[in-house]
Amino acid sequence: MDLYESYIQNDRQRELLSLAGELADVFAERAEEHDREGSFPFENFNDLKKKGYGKLTVPKEYGGEEISLYEMVMLQERLATGDAATALSIGWHLGGLMELSESRLWDEAQFQALCEAVVTDQALVNRAASEPATGSPTRGGLPETKATETDNGFELTGRKSFTSMAKVLDYSLVLARIGETEKKGFFLVDHKLDGVSIEDTWDVIAMKGTGSEDLVLDHVSLPPSAMVEGDERGGDIPKAWLLHIPACYLGVAVAARNYAIEFAENYSPNSLPGPIKEVPEVQRKIGEMELELFQARQILYSVADKWVKEPDKRKGMGPELSAVKHIVTNGAARIVDIAMRIVGARSLYRSNPMQRYYRDVRAGLHNPPMDDMVISLLSKRALGGK
């Protein structure tokens, strides 16, 4: 808790952080087994539901806790110290609901119905936008998944990749091309509908527990109201909720940092009179980790706090939010690398969590926005300001 104390602003946040910590500690005990077996942590999501974690970003008017962006990134960082894959997965759910709460682009009755399903039935929802042919939707490719208009609404056919926690999702917000036009829309799809299935395609070396399988849509019949968002989605407000991504990978770095420090305090080779924490070079490496962690956390939390406390500046915060992701995820990777140098060759053993942290933290480099896009955005802003 001492790592978080300087960032806690009130008693509510302390209680929320305690909740995330309890879950993280339980998830940490299961993480190695799920990583080794490549299995999906169903029990983790059952625990999240029991604790009401999925309703944290639902508006209070609809039965949720309506936590702020600042609170979400804090909780997600702590949760990821236990199991990053579970944290990233539930982060998509929490962040998506936060975006909908802030934008209110939906018909209010539909949004209320989804919120009530989350609160009452512990429903889980995620956006399904990526496809094998187009890659990340942030690159601008037109989706191959197609929504064909019918007399009764729409018929949806296509395949979505990287659908995190696919096997426990109740709903997906599917990005689809509308007919033969260049228009796109998001469609709310109930996974119980005929034609909706999950295909096991998630065969990766990092973040195995996200279970980001393919979502297959085979002539799924939808009513007209299922198209909940059109091309106007998001307007000119940047997607601050995506800070759940760097928060997650920073949690991986914190876990690696904690392990390395504990190792340094307790490992005593017979070539030394005491534990390796007394070796100047080890102390230097620990100091380097602390510096990287301080920089990453200050940037993450200060920008999240600005988003909460200065809403009039949100429209212009896109570059800042993108920069946070770049700085924090790359910093997290450096922290894990330094931690492994402290632990040494033992960190390569399959039974050692360090090798999992090493693999998992690098997945953050491939979550949006990607590094090259961030650099380009910052460059354009600088040149445009001359």
Protein backbone atom coordinates (compact mmCIF):
# COMPACT_ATOMS: atom_id res chain seq x y z
CA MET A 1 0.00 0.00 0.00
CA ASP A 2 2.94 2.37 0.59
CA LEU A 3 3.47 2.59 -3.16
CA TYR A 4 0.00 4.07 -3.54
CA GLU A 5 -0.30 6.19 -0.42
CA SER A 6 0.93 9.41 -2.00
CA TYR A 7 -1.60 9.03 -4.82
CA ILE A 8 -4.66 8.32 -2.63
CA GLN A 9 -6.77 11.47 -2.34
CA ASN A 10 -9.57 10.35 -0.01
CA ASP A 11 -11.05 7.47 2.00
CA ARG A 12 -13.21 6.28 -0.90
CA GLN A 13 -10.12 5.71 -3.02
CA ARG A 14 -8.44 3.88 -0.16
CA GLU A 15 -11.41 1.51 0.07
CA LEU A 16 -11.51 0.97 -3.68
CA LEU A 17 -7.78 0.28 -3.75
CA SER A 18 -8.20 -2.22 -0.94
CA LEU A 19 -10.83 -4.04 -3.01
CA ALA A 20 -8.51 -4.19 -6.03
CA GLY A 21 -5.68 -5.36 -3.81
CA GLU A 22 -7.68 -8.23 -2.34
CA LEU A 23 -8.59 -9.43 -5.81
CA ALA A 24 -5.04 -8.97 -7.13
CA ASP A 25 -3.55 -11.07 -4.34
CA VAL A 26 -5.95 -13.92 -5.09
CA PHE A 27 -5.37 -13.68 -8.84
CA ALA A 28 -1.59 -13.75 -8.33
CA GLU A 29 -1.87 -17.24 -6.85
CA ARG A 30 -3.52 -18.52 -10.05
CA ALA A 31 -1.60 -16.56 -12.66
CA GLU A 32 1.31 -18.95 -13.14
CA GLU A 33 -0.95 -21.96 -13.72
CA HIS A 34 -3.11 -20.18 -16.27
CA ASP A 35 -0.04 -18.86 -18.07
CA ARG A 36 1.60 -22.28 -18.18
CA GLU A 37 -1.56 -24.02 -19.40
CA GLY A 38 -2.75 -21.19 -21.63
CA SER A 39 -6.12 -21.47 -19.94
CA PHE A 40 -8.76 -18.81 -19.37
CA PRO A 41 -9.20 -17.68 -15.73
CA PHE A 42 -12.96 -18.13 -15.41
CA GLU A 43 -12.70 -18.07 -11.62
CA ASN A 44 -11.11 -14.62 -11.70
CA PHE A 45 -14.12 -13.20 -13.49
CA ASN A 46 -16.47 -14.93 -11.08
CA ASP A 47 -14.60 -13.20 -8.26
CA LEU A 48 -14.82 -9.84 -10.04
CA LYS A 49 -18.56 -10.29 -10.39
CA LYS A 50 -19.02 -11.24 -6.75
CA LYS A 51 -17.25 -8.04 -5.70
CA GLY A 52 -19.25 -5.89 -8.11
CA TYR A 53 -16.08 -4.79 -9.89
CA GLY A 54 -17.78 -4.63 -13.28
CA LYS A 55 -20.19 -1.89 -12.20
CA LEU A 56 -17.55 0.53 -10.95
CA THR A 57 -17.78 2.82 -14.00
CA VAL A 58 -21.57 2.62 -14.35
CA PRO A 59 -23.26 5.96 -13.51
CA LYS A 60 -24.69 6.23 -10.01
CA GLU A 61 -28.12 6.98 -11.45
CA TYR A 62 -28.17 3.44 -12.84
CA GLY A 63 -26.77 1.67 -9.80
CA GLY A 64 -23.02 1.93 -10.37
CA GLU A 65 -20.16 3.56 -8.48
CA GLU A 66 -19.27 6.09 -11.23
CA ILE A 67 -15.57 6.06 -10.40
CA SER A 68 -13.37 8.66 -12.07
CA LEU A 69 -10.64 8.09 -14.63
CA TYR A 70 -8.07 8.74 -11.91
CA GLU A 71 -9.62 6.05 -9.73
CA MET A 72 -9.90 3.59 -12.59
CA VAL A 73 -6.22 3.78 -13.53
CA MET A 74 -5.22 3.36 -9.89
CA LEU A 75 -7.40 0.29 -9.44
CA GLN A 76 -6.32 -1.22 -12.74
CA GLU A 77 -2.65 -0.78 -11.93
CA ARG A 78 -3.14 -2.54 -8.59
CA LEU A 79 -5.23 -5.34 -10.12
CA ALA A 80 -2.57 -5.95 -12.77
CA THR A 81 0.07 -6.62 -10.14
CA GLY A 82 -1.81 -9.86 -9.54
CA ASP A 83 -2.80 -10.89 -13.06
CA ALA A 84 -2.26 -8.48 -15.93
CA ALA A 85 -4.35 -10.48 -18.39
CA THR A 86 -7.42 -10.34 -16.17
CA ALA A 87 -6.84 -6.66 -15.45
CA LEU A 88 -6.52 -5.74 -19.13
CA SER A 89 -9.64 -7.70 -20.00
CA ILE A 90 -11.89 -6.16 -17.37
CA GLY A 91 -10.30 -2.81 -18.22
CA TRP A 92 -11.89 -2.90 -21.66
CA HIS A 93 -15.27 -3.43 -20.00
CA LEU A 94 -14.76 -0.66 -17.42
CA GLY A 95 -13.28 1.77 -19.92
CA GLY A 96 -15.97 1.15 -22.50
CA LEU A 97 -18.71 1.88 -20.00
CA MET A 98 -16.87 5.00 -18.85
CA GLU A 99 -16.74 6.25 -22.43
CA LEU A 100 -20.46 5.65 -22.90
CA SER A 101 -21.20 7.38 -19.61
CA GLU A 102 -19.26 10.47 -20.62
CA SER A 103 -20.35 10.72 -24.25
CA ARG A 104 -24.01 9.66 -23.90
CA LEU A 105 -24.13 9.01 -27.64
CA TRP A 106 -26.65 6.21 -27.25
CA ASP A 107 -30.38 6.40 -26.92
CA GLU A 108 -30.66 6.85 -23.17
CA ALA A 109 -33.10 3.95 -22.71
CA GLN A 110 -30.67 1.57 -24.41
CA PHE A 111 -27.77 2.80 -22.33
CA GLN A 112 -29.83 2.43 -19.17
CA ALA A 113 -30.77 -1.14 -20.13
CA LEU A 114 -27.11 -2.07 -20.64
CA CYS A 115 -26.14 -0.49 -17.32
CA GLU A 116 -28.89 -2.36 -15.52
CA ALA A 117 -27.71 -5.64 -17.08
CA VAL A 118 -24.20 -4.90 -15.79
CA VAL A 119 -25.42 -4.00 -12.30
CA THR A 120 -28.13 -6.64 -11.88
CA ASP A 121 -26.81 -9.55 -13.93
CA GLN A 122 -23.07 -8.76 -13.77
CA ALA A 123 -23.05 -8.66 -17.58
CA LEU A 124 -19.72 -8.11 -19.34
CA VAL A 125 -19.29 -6.09 -22.53
CA ASN A 126 -16.39 -5.28 -24.84
CA ARG A 127 -15.88 -3.61 -28.18
CA ALA A 128 -15.08 -5.92 -31.08
CA ALA A 129 -13.37 -3.79 -33.69
CA SER A 130 -10.14 -5.50 -34.82
CA GLU A 131 -10.12 -7.90 -37.75
CA PRO A 132 -7.51 -10.22 -39.28
CA ALA A 133 -7.43 -8.24 -42.54
CA THR A 134 -7.52 -4.70 -41.16
CA GLY A 135 -5.55 -5.02 -37.92
CA SER A 136 -6.17 -2.31 -35.37
CA PRO A 137 -9.10 -0.02 -36.23
CA THR A 138 -6.91 2.94 -35.22
CA ARG A 139 -5.09 2.48 -38.54
CA GLY A 140 -8.26 3.43 -40.38
CA GLY A 141 -9.02 0.28 -42.36
CA LEU A 142 -12.60 -0.35 -43.45
CA PRO A 143 -14.02 -3.37 -41.61
CA GLU A 144 -14.88 -6.46 -43.62
CA THR A 145 -17.62 -7.36 -41.15
CA LYS A 146 -20.80 -6.25 -42.88
CA ALA A 147 -24.20 -5.16 -41.63
CA THR A 148 -26.75 -5.69 -44.38
CA GLU A 149 -30.06 -3.89 -44.04
CA THR A 150 -33.14 -6.12 -44.03
CA ASP A 151 -36.89 -5.58 -43.65
CA ASN A 152 -36.49 -6.28 -39.93
CA GLY A 153 -33.28 -4.40 -39.23
CA PHE A 154 -29.81 -5.74 -40.02
CA GLU A 155 -28.02 -9.00 -40.72
CA LEU A 156 -24.46 -9.09 -39.40
CA THR A 157 -21.75 -11.32 -40.86
CA GLY A 158 -18.02 -11.25 -40.24
CA ARG A 159 -15.15 -12.14 -37.91
CA LYS A 160 -13.52 -10.10 -35.18
CA SER A 161 -10.09 -10.80 -33.71
CA PHE A 162 -8.52 -9.83 -30.38
CA THR A 163 -11.87 -10.10 -28.59
CA SER A 164 -10.64 -10.04 -24.99
CA MET A 165 -12.46 -12.27 -22.47
CA ALA A 166 -14.57 -13.57 -25.39
CA LYS A 167 -15.74 -16.67 -23.55
CA VAL A 168 -17.36 -14.74 -20.71
CA LEU A 169 -18.74 -11.79 -22.66
CA ASP A 170 -22.48 -11.23 -22.63
CA TYR A 171 -22.42 -8.45 -25.22
CA SER A 172 -20.09 -7.15 -27.88
CA LEU A 173 -20.11 -3.77 -29.58
CA VAL A 174 -19.27 -4.87 -33.10
CA LEU A 175 -17.80 -2.45 -35.63
CA ALA A 176 -19.24 -3.16 -39.08
CA ARG A 177 -19.45 -1.66 -42.52
CA ILE A 178 -23.02 -0.79 -43.47
CA GLY A 179 -23.89 -2.55 -46.71
CA GLU A 180 -21.71 -1.54 -49.64
CA THR A 181 -21.25 2.01 -48.38
CA GLU A 182 -18.20 3.57 -46.76
CA LYS A 183 -20.21 4.16 -43.59
CA LYS A 184 -19.50 2.29 -40.38
CA GLY A 185 -21.42 1.67 -37.20
CA PHE A 186 -21.25 -0.13 -33.89
CA PHE A 187 -23.88 -2.79 -33.25
CA LEU A 188 -24.79 -4.14 -29.84
CA VAL A 189 -24.77 -7.93 -30.16
CA ASP A 190 -26.08 -10.28 -27.49
CA HIS A 191 -23.88 -13.38 -27.47
CA LYS A 192 -26.93 -15.60 -26.94
CA LEU A 193 -28.22 -14.80 -30.42
CA ASP A 194 -28.18 -17.44 -33.16
CA GLY A 195 -25.12 -17.15 -35.35
CA VAL A 196 -22.81 -15.83 -32.64
CA SER A 197 -19.90 -18.10 -31.75
CA ILE A 198 -16.35 -18.02 -30.38
CA GLU A 199 -13.47 -19.69 -32.23
CA ASP A 200 -10.33 -20.60 -30.29
CA THR A 201 -7.53 -18.74 -32.06
CA TRP A 202 -5.62 -17.21 -29.12
CA ASP A 203 -2.22 -18.92 -29.30
CA VAL A 204 0.27 -16.38 -27.99
CA ILE A 205 3.28 -16.15 -25.68
CA ALA A 206 2.08 -13.10 -23.70
CA MET A 207 -1.12 -12.12 -21.92
CA LYS A 208 -2.47 -15.60 -22.51
CA GLY A 209 -5.22 -15.20 -19.94
CA THR A 210 -7.05 -12.48 -21.87
CA GLY A 211 -8.57 -15.24 -23.99
CA SER A 212 -8.76 -12.84 -26.94
CA GLU A 213 -10.37 -15.31 -29.28
CA ASP A 214 -12.15 -14.64 -32.58
CA LEU A 215 -15.79 -13.58 -32.46
CA VAL A 216 -17.61 -15.13 -35.41
CA LEU A 217 -20.87 -13.62 -36.68
CA ASP A 218 -22.81 -15.77 -39.14
CA HIS A 219 -25.90 -14.00 -40.49
CA VAL A 220 -26.88 -12.65 -37.08
CA SER A 221 -30.31 -10.99 -37.19
CA LEU A 222 -30.53 -7.69 -35.35
CA PRO A 223 -33.31 -5.13 -34.86
CA PRO A 224 -32.79 -1.53 -36.14
CA SER A 225 -32.10 -0.39 -32.57
CA ALA A 226 -29.00 -2.62 -32.43
CA MET A 227 -27.05 0.04 -34.32
CA VAL A 228 -26.17 2.12 -31.29
CA GLU A 229 -23.40 4.30 -32.77
CA GLY A 230 -22.74 5.70 -36.22
CA ASP A 231 -19.82 7.48 -37.82
CA GLU A 232 -20.19 10.36 -35.41
CA ARG A 233 -18.96 8.19 -32.53
CA GLY A 234 -16.76 9.96 -30.03
CA GLY A 235 -16.96 13.40 -31.61
CA ASP A 236 -13.91 15.49 -30.84
CA ILE A 237 -13.39 14.24 -27.30
CA PRO A 238 -10.27 12.03 -26.97
CA LYS A 239 -10.61 8.57 -25.48
CA ALA A 240 -9.10 9.09 -22.06
CA TRP A 241 -10.46 5.76 -20.85
CA LEU A 242 -7.70 4.07 -22.87
CA LEU A 243 -5.37 4.99 -20.01
CA HIS A 244 -6.46 1.67 -18.53
CA ILE A 245 -3.90 0.16 -20.93
CA PRO A 246 -0.73 1.83 -19.61
CA ALA A 247 -2.09 1.43 -16.07
CA CYS A 248 -2.23 -2.32 -16.61
CA TYR A 249 1.32 -2.61 -17.90
CA LEU A 250 2.59 -0.38 -15.13
CA GLY A 251 1.05 -2.93 -12.77
CA VAL A 252 3.18 -5.62 -14.39
CA ALA A 253 6.24 -3.46 -13.80
CA VAL A 254 5.31 -2.93 -10.15
CA ALA A 255 4.98 -6.70 -9.67
CA ALA A 256 8.43 -7.24 -11.22
CA ARG A 257 9.89 -4.44 -9.12
CA ASN A 258 8.45 -5.91 -5.93
CA TYR A 259 9.80 -9.37 -6.75
CA ALA A 260 13.27 -8.05 -7.56
CA ILE A 261 13.48 -6.05 -4.32
CA GLU A 262 12.35 -9.01 -2.23
CA PHE A 263 14.88 -11.19 -4.02
CA ALA A 264 17.66 -8.68 -3.35
CA GLU A 265 16.74 -8.54 0.32
CA ASN A 266 16.79 -12.32 0.77
CA TYR A 267 19.27 -13.85 -1.69
CA SER A 268 22.68 -14.40 -0.13
CA PRO A 269 25.20 -16.29 -2.29
CA ASN A 270 28.09 -17.82 -0.35
CA SER A 271 30.46 -15.45 -2.11
CA LEU A 272 29.03 -12.55 -0.11
CA PRO A 273 28.75 -11.89 3.64
CA GLY A 274 25.12 -10.86 3.29
CA PRO A 275 22.22 -10.46 0.83
CA ILE A 276 22.83 -8.90 -2.58
CA LYS A 277 20.95 -5.74 -1.56
CA GLU A 278 24.27 -4.65 -0.03
CA VAL A 279 26.04 -4.75 -3.41
CA PRO A 280 26.41 -1.21 -4.87
CA GLU A 281 25.52 -2.32 -8.41
CA VAL A 282 22.29 -3.95 -7.19
CA GLN A 283 21.45 -0.79 -5.27
CA ARG A 284 22.04 1.23 -8.42
CA LYS A 285 19.69 -0.96 -10.41
CA ILE A 286 17.01 -0.67 -7.74
CA GLY A 287 17.42 3.09 -7.88
CA GLU A 288 17.00 3.00 -11.66
CA MET A 289 13.76 1.04 -11.27
CA GLU A 290 12.46 3.54 -8.74
CA LEU A 291 13.27 6.44 -11.04
CA GLU A 292 11.49 4.85 -13.98
CA LEU A 293 8.50 4.01 -11.81
CA PHE A 294 8.31 7.53 -10.39
CA GLN A 295 8.39 9.09 -13.84
CA ALA A 296 5.75 6.77 -15.26
CA ARG A 297 3.38 7.13 -12.33
CA GLN A 298 3.69 10.89 -12.11
CA ILE A 299 2.80 11.19 -15.78
CA LEU A 300 -0.05 8.69 -15.65
CA TYR A 301 -1.71 10.05 -12.53
CA SER A 302 -1.20 13.74 -13.24
CA VAL A 303 -2.81 13.51 -16.68
CA ALA A 304 -5.68 11.39 -15.33
CA ASP A 305 -6.18 13.92 -12.54
CA LYS A 306 -6.19 16.78 -15.05
CA TRP A 307 -8.89 15.00 -17.06
CA VAL A 308 -11.06 14.75 -13.95
CA LYS A 309 -10.48 18.21 -12.49
CA GLU A 310 -10.25 20.32 -15.65
CA PRO A 311 -13.04 19.08 -17.97
CA ASP A 312 -12.87 22.26 -20.02
CA LYS A 313 -9.45 21.17 -21.30
CA ARG A 314 -10.45 17.66 -22.39
CA LYS A 315 -10.84 18.42 -26.09
CA GLY A 316 -7.19 19.36 -26.38
CA MET A 317 -5.77 16.49 -24.34
CA GLY A 318 -5.45 13.93 -27.13
CA PRO A 319 -1.68 14.31 -27.58
CA GLU A 320 -1.12 14.21 -23.82
CA LEU A 321 -3.14 11.03 -23.43
CA SER A 322 -1.27 9.38 -26.30
CA ALA A 323 2.07 10.45 -24.85
CA VAL A 324 1.14 8.90 -21.51
CA LYS A 325 0.60 5.53 -23.15
CA HIS A 326 3.95 5.69 -24.95
CA ILE A 327 5.94 6.84 -21.94
CA VAL A 328 4.35 4.49 -19.41
CA THR A 329 4.37 1.28 -21.46
CA ASN A 330 7.97 1.77 -22.57
CA GLY A 331 8.95 2.72 -19.02
CA ALA A 332 7.23 -0.40 -17.70
CA ALA A 333 9.24 -2.56 -20.10
CA ARG A 334 12.46 -0.95 -18.88
CA ILE A 335 11.53 -1.57 -15.24
CA VAL A 336 10.93 -5.26 -15.92
CA ASP A 337 14.22 -5.50 -17.79
CA ILE A 338 16.13 -3.98 -14.89
CA ALA A 339 14.32 -6.24 -12.42
CA MET A 340 15.41 -9.28 -14.41
CA ARG A 341 19.02 -8.12 -14.31
CA ILE A 342 18.78 -8.01 -10.52
CA VAL A 343 17.32 -11.51 -10.26
CA GLY A 344 19.70 -12.87 -12.89
CA ALA A 345 19.38 -16.18 -14.71
CA ARG A 346 16.79 -17.43 -12.20
CA SER A 347 14.35 -15.05 -13.86
CA LEU A 348 14.37 -17.31 -16.94
CA TYR A 349 13.00 -20.35 -15.12
CA ARG A 350 9.45 -21.22 -16.09
CA SER A 351 8.60 -21.45 -12.39
CA ASN A 352 9.74 -17.86 -11.83
CA PRO A 353 7.11 -15.13 -12.39
CA MET A 354 9.72 -12.78 -13.82
CA GLN A 355 9.69 -14.49 -17.19
CA ARG A 356 5.90 -14.00 -17.35
CA TYR A 357 6.24 -10.33 -16.46
CA TYR A 358 8.88 -10.00 -19.19
CA ARG A 359 6.55 -11.49 -21.83
CA ASP A 360 3.39 -9.77 -20.65
CA VAL A 361 4.80 -6.26 -20.39
CA ARG A 362 5.87 -6.28 -24.03
CA ALA A 363 2.30 -6.83 -25.17
CA GLY A 364 1.63 -3.24 -24.16
CA LEU A 365 3.69 -2.01 -27.09
CA HIS A 366 1.05 -3.47 -29.42
CA ASN A 367 -2.01 -1.94 -27.75
CA PRO A 368 -3.34 1.35 -29.15
CA PRO A 369 -2.11 3.92 -29.75
CA MET A 370 1.08 2.42 -31.16
CA ASP A 371 4.40 4.18 -30.65
CA ASP A 372 4.78 5.41 -34.22
CA MET A 373 1.33 6.97 -34.20
CA VAL A 374 2.08 8.78 -30.93
CA ILE A 375 5.35 10.20 -32.25
CA SER A 376 3.64 11.31 -35.46
CA LEU A 377 0.84 12.98 -33.52
CA LEU A 378 3.26 14.89 -31.31
CA SER A 379 5.31 15.94 -34.32
CA LYS A 380 2.28 17.27 -36.17
CA ARG A 381 1.17 19.23 -33.12
CA ALA A 382 4.61 20.79 -32.74
CA LEU A 383 4.92 21.68 -36.43
CA GLY A 384 1.37 22.94 -36.60
CA GLY A 385 2.01 25.24 -33.68
CA LYS A 386 4.76 27.17 -35.47
